[in-house]
Protein backbone atom coordinates (compact mmCIF):
# COMPACT_ATOMS: atom_id res chain seq x y z
CA UNK A 1 255.93 83.21 190.82
CA UNK A 2 255.27 86.28 193.01
CA UNK A 3 258.75 86.78 193.60
CA UNK A 4 259.20 86.66 189.59
CA UNK A 5 256.94 89.09 189.27
CA UNK A 6 257.60 91.81 191.52
CA UNK A 7 261.48 91.20 190.14
CA UNK A 8 259.90 92.38 186.56
CA UNK A 9 257.69 95.12 187.72
CA UNK A 10 261.03 97.07 189.72
CA UNK A 11 263.32 95.97 186.48
CA UNK A 12 260.58 97.72 184.39
CA UNK A 13 260.29 100.87 186.71
CA UNK A 14 264.04 101.40 186.96
CA UNK A 15 264.26 100.98 183.40
CA UNK A 16 261.53 104.30 183.09
CA UNK A 17 263.27 106.06 185.65
CA UNK A 18 267.11 105.44 184.09
CA UNK A 19 265.07 106.55 180.72
CA UNK A 20 264.05 110.00 182.47
CA UNK A 21 267.30 110.75 184.05
CA UNK A 22 268.79 109.97 180.45
CA UNK A 23 266.13 112.70 179.10
CA UNK A 24 266.81 115.43 181.59
CA UNK A 25 270.50 115.09 180.86
CA UNK A 26 269.65 115.44 177.10
CA UNK A 27 267.60 118.14 177.80
CA UNK A 28 270.37 119.64 179.91
CA UNK A 29 272.47 120.41 176.67
CA UNK A 30 269.30 121.12 174.03
CA UNK A 31 266.73 123.00 176.21
CA UNK A 32 264.15 120.70 174.80
CA UNK A 33 262.39 117.99 177.32
CA UNK A 34 261.23 115.27 176.40
CA UNK A 35 259.34 112.95 178.87
CA UNK A 36 257.11 111.65 176.46
CA UNK A 37 256.35 107.95 176.68
CA UNK A 38 257.55 107.58 179.98
CA UNK A 39 254.45 105.87 181.28
CA UNK A 40 254.23 109.17 183.90
CA UNK A 41 251.59 109.54 186.24
CA UNK A 42 252.90 112.49 187.49
CA UNK A 43 256.06 114.83 186.72
CA UNK A 44 258.59 113.45 189.47
CA UNK A 45 259.88 115.95 191.44
CA UNK A 46 263.60 114.71 190.60
CA UNK A 47 262.96 116.17 186.97
CA UNK A 48 262.62 119.58 189.26
CA UNK A 49 265.97 118.97 190.65
CA UNK A 50 267.46 117.73 187.67
CA UNK A 51 266.53 120.55 185.44
CA UNK A 52 267.00 123.31 188.32
CA UNK A 53 269.62 125.13 186.09
CA UNK A 54 268.72 124.54 182.81
CA UNK A 55 266.21 127.60 181.01
CA UNK A 56 263.95 124.65 178.75
CA UNK A 57 262.38 126.19 175.68
CA UNK A 58 260.13 123.13 174.98
CA UNK A 59 258.42 120.22 177.15
CA UNK A 60 256.81 117.26 176.28
CA UNK A 61 255.02 115.19 178.20
CA UNK A 62 252.99 113.42 176.18
CA UNK A 63 251.63 109.57 175.62
CA UNK A 64 251.73 109.12 179.97
CA UNK A 65 249.24 109.04 182.08
CA UNK A 66 248.93 112.23 183.85
CA UNK A 67 246.04 113.37 185.42
CA UNK A 68 247.42 116.77 186.68
CA UNK A 69 250.18 119.08 186.23
CA UNK A 70 251.12 120.91 189.50
CA UNK A 71 251.71 124.48 190.16
CA UNK A 72 255.24 124.51 190.52
CA UNK A 73 255.12 123.47 187.07
CA UNK A 74 254.70 127.19 185.90
CA UNK A 75 257.15 128.36 188.22
CA UNK A 76 260.16 125.74 187.42
CA UNK A 77 259.87 126.00 184.05
CA UNK A 78 258.82 129.47 183.44
CA UNK A 79 260.41 130.40 180.00
CA UNK A 80 259.36 127.33 177.52
CA UNK A 81 257.36 128.45 174.71
CA UNK A 82 256.13 125.02 173.70
CA UNK A 83 254.40 122.35 175.84
CA UNK A 84 252.88 119.30 174.73
CA UNK A 85 250.58 117.58 177.30
CA UNK A 86 248.70 115.45 174.58
CA UNK A 87 247.60 111.63 175.40
CA UNK A 88 247.39 111.98 178.88
CA UNK A 89 244.44 111.52 181.23
CA UNK A 90 244.17 115.55 182.33
CA UNK A 91 240.92 117.24 183.01
CA UNK A 92 241.94 120.40 184.12
CA UNK A 93 245.08 122.97 184.29
CA UNK A 94 246.49 124.73 187.34
CA UNK A 95 245.61 128.46 187.78
CA UNK A 96 249.18 128.53 188.06
CA UNK A 97 250.14 127.87 183.97
CA UNK A 98 248.94 131.50 183.12
CA UNK A 99 252.33 132.51 184.37
CA UNK A 100 254.33 130.97 181.69
CA UNK A 101 254.50 134.29 179.81
CA UNK A 102 256.63 132.94 176.98
CA UNK A 103 254.41 129.73 175.98
CA UNK A 104 253.20 130.02 172.37
CA UNK A 105 252.26 126.60 171.74
CA UNK A 106 250.25 124.61 173.82
CA UNK A 107 248.52 121.10 173.05
CA UNK A 108 246.06 119.42 175.22
CA UNK A 109 244.79 117.18 172.80
CA UNK A 110 243.29 113.34 173.49
CA UNK A 111 242.52 114.35 177.17
CA UNK A 112 239.94 114.11 179.16
CA UNK A 113 238.53 118.09 179.57
CA UNK A 114 234.89 118.48 179.65
CA UNK A 115 235.16 122.59 179.64
CA UNK A 116 238.21 124.10 177.89
CA UNK A 117 240.25 125.41 181.22
CA UNK A 118 239.90 128.94 181.33
CA UNK A 119 244.05 129.65 182.07
CA UNK A 120 244.14 129.31 178.55
CA UNK A 121 243.04 132.49 177.59
CA UNK A 122 244.80 134.17 180.31
CA UNK A 123 248.39 132.85 178.46
CA UNK A 124 249.83 136.07 177.31
CA UNK A 125 251.30 134.88 174.13
CA UNK A 126 249.39 131.66 173.13
CA UNK A 127 249.25 131.51 169.32
CA UNK A 128 248.44 128.10 168.65
CA UNK A 129 245.75 125.60 171.30
CA UNK A 130 245.00 122.14 170.33
CA UNK A 131 242.21 120.95 172.37
CA UNK A 132 240.92 118.65 169.56
CA UNK A 133 239.90 114.86 170.68
CA UNK A 134 238.65 115.93 174.29
CA UNK A 135 235.42 115.35 175.77
CA UNK A 136 234.69 119.50 175.85
CA UNK A 137 230.92 120.37 175.58
CA UNK A 138 231.43 124.42 176.43
CA UNK A 139 233.57 126.81 176.16
CA UNK A 140 233.41 130.57 177.72
CA UNK A 141 233.30 132.57 174.59
CA UNK A 142 233.82 135.64 175.71
CA UNK A 143 236.66 134.84 177.25
CA UNK A 144 238.27 133.22 173.89
CA UNK A 145 237.18 136.50 172.25
CA UNK A 146 239.63 138.90 174.48
CA UNK A 147 242.74 136.93 173.81
CA UNK A 148 244.90 139.08 171.53
CA UNK A 149 247.65 136.69 170.61
CA UNK A 150 245.85 133.45 169.50
CA UNK A 151 246.23 132.37 165.66
CA UNK A 152 244.61 128.89 165.96
CA UNK A 153 242.55 127.29 168.32
CA UNK A 154 242.21 123.57 167.63
CA UNK A 155 238.31 122.18 168.39
CA UNK A 156 237.86 119.39 166.17
CA UNK A 157 236.77 116.00 167.58
CA UNK A 158 234.88 117.15 170.64
CA UNK A 159 231.01 116.74 171.41
CA UNK A 160 230.24 120.64 171.89
CA UNK A 161 226.52 121.82 172.38
CA UNK A 162 224.80 122.57 169.70
CA UNK A 163 224.62 126.44 171.03
CA UNK A 164 228.16 126.43 171.89
CA UNK A 165 228.94 125.08 168.43
CA UNK A 166 227.30 127.48 166.64
CA UNK A 167 228.96 130.45 168.74
CA UNK A 168 232.45 129.24 167.52
CA UNK A 169 231.15 128.69 163.80
CA UNK A 170 230.33 132.51 164.20
CA UNK A 171 232.40 134.23 166.17
CA UNK A 172 234.13 137.04 165.19
CA UNK A 173 237.73 136.54 165.82
CA UNK A 174 241.08 137.72 165.07
CA UNK A 175 241.97 133.86 164.73
CA UNK A 176 241.40 130.47 163.42
CA UNK A 177 239.04 128.25 164.56
CA UNK A 178 239.00 124.46 163.62
CA UNK A 179 235.49 122.45 164.00
CA UNK A 180 234.39 119.35 163.00
CA UNK A 181 231.37 119.22 160.85
CA UNK A 182 228.33 119.48 163.09
CA UNK A 183 226.64 116.30 162.85
CA UNK A 184 222.95 116.33 164.21
CA UNK A 185 221.84 113.26 165.97
CA UNK A 186 218.02 114.00 166.47
CA UNK A 187 216.24 112.05 164.18
């Protein structure tokens, strides 16, 4: 019985490896790397090796079980304009992501963030930030207000503190902040 279960596990892992390699091959032609739903716990080093001669424009790592992005990600994929990290298990982002000088769209929704990572406000061309459906309770609004490129920040479905919610609601910024309606649970 153990041998059968182990054999099934190995076969399943081999299938995932083949899927990742196939998607890397596609990305070499399209410049769009889609590693969504690959059951990844991290970005395999082989991906960096396979993509070393490809200038990626987009990267989709959604719907995996990734807990963190390594700092080298920004070095290896420095030209991407769209990064989807949604539906993972992340709670922080490395500061090196600020080096993604072309990044326009970042989706970190449906993760485990408690605070909005400060690095998102250091990304020089970031226009759209999706951070909805996390556990975010606080945001450094002073940092956010200094961002020149942002157009929309989606903060819906986060348990923001009342003071943070009010600061965001009343913020004088040149971009749209999407918030859920405040529900006062003090009764």
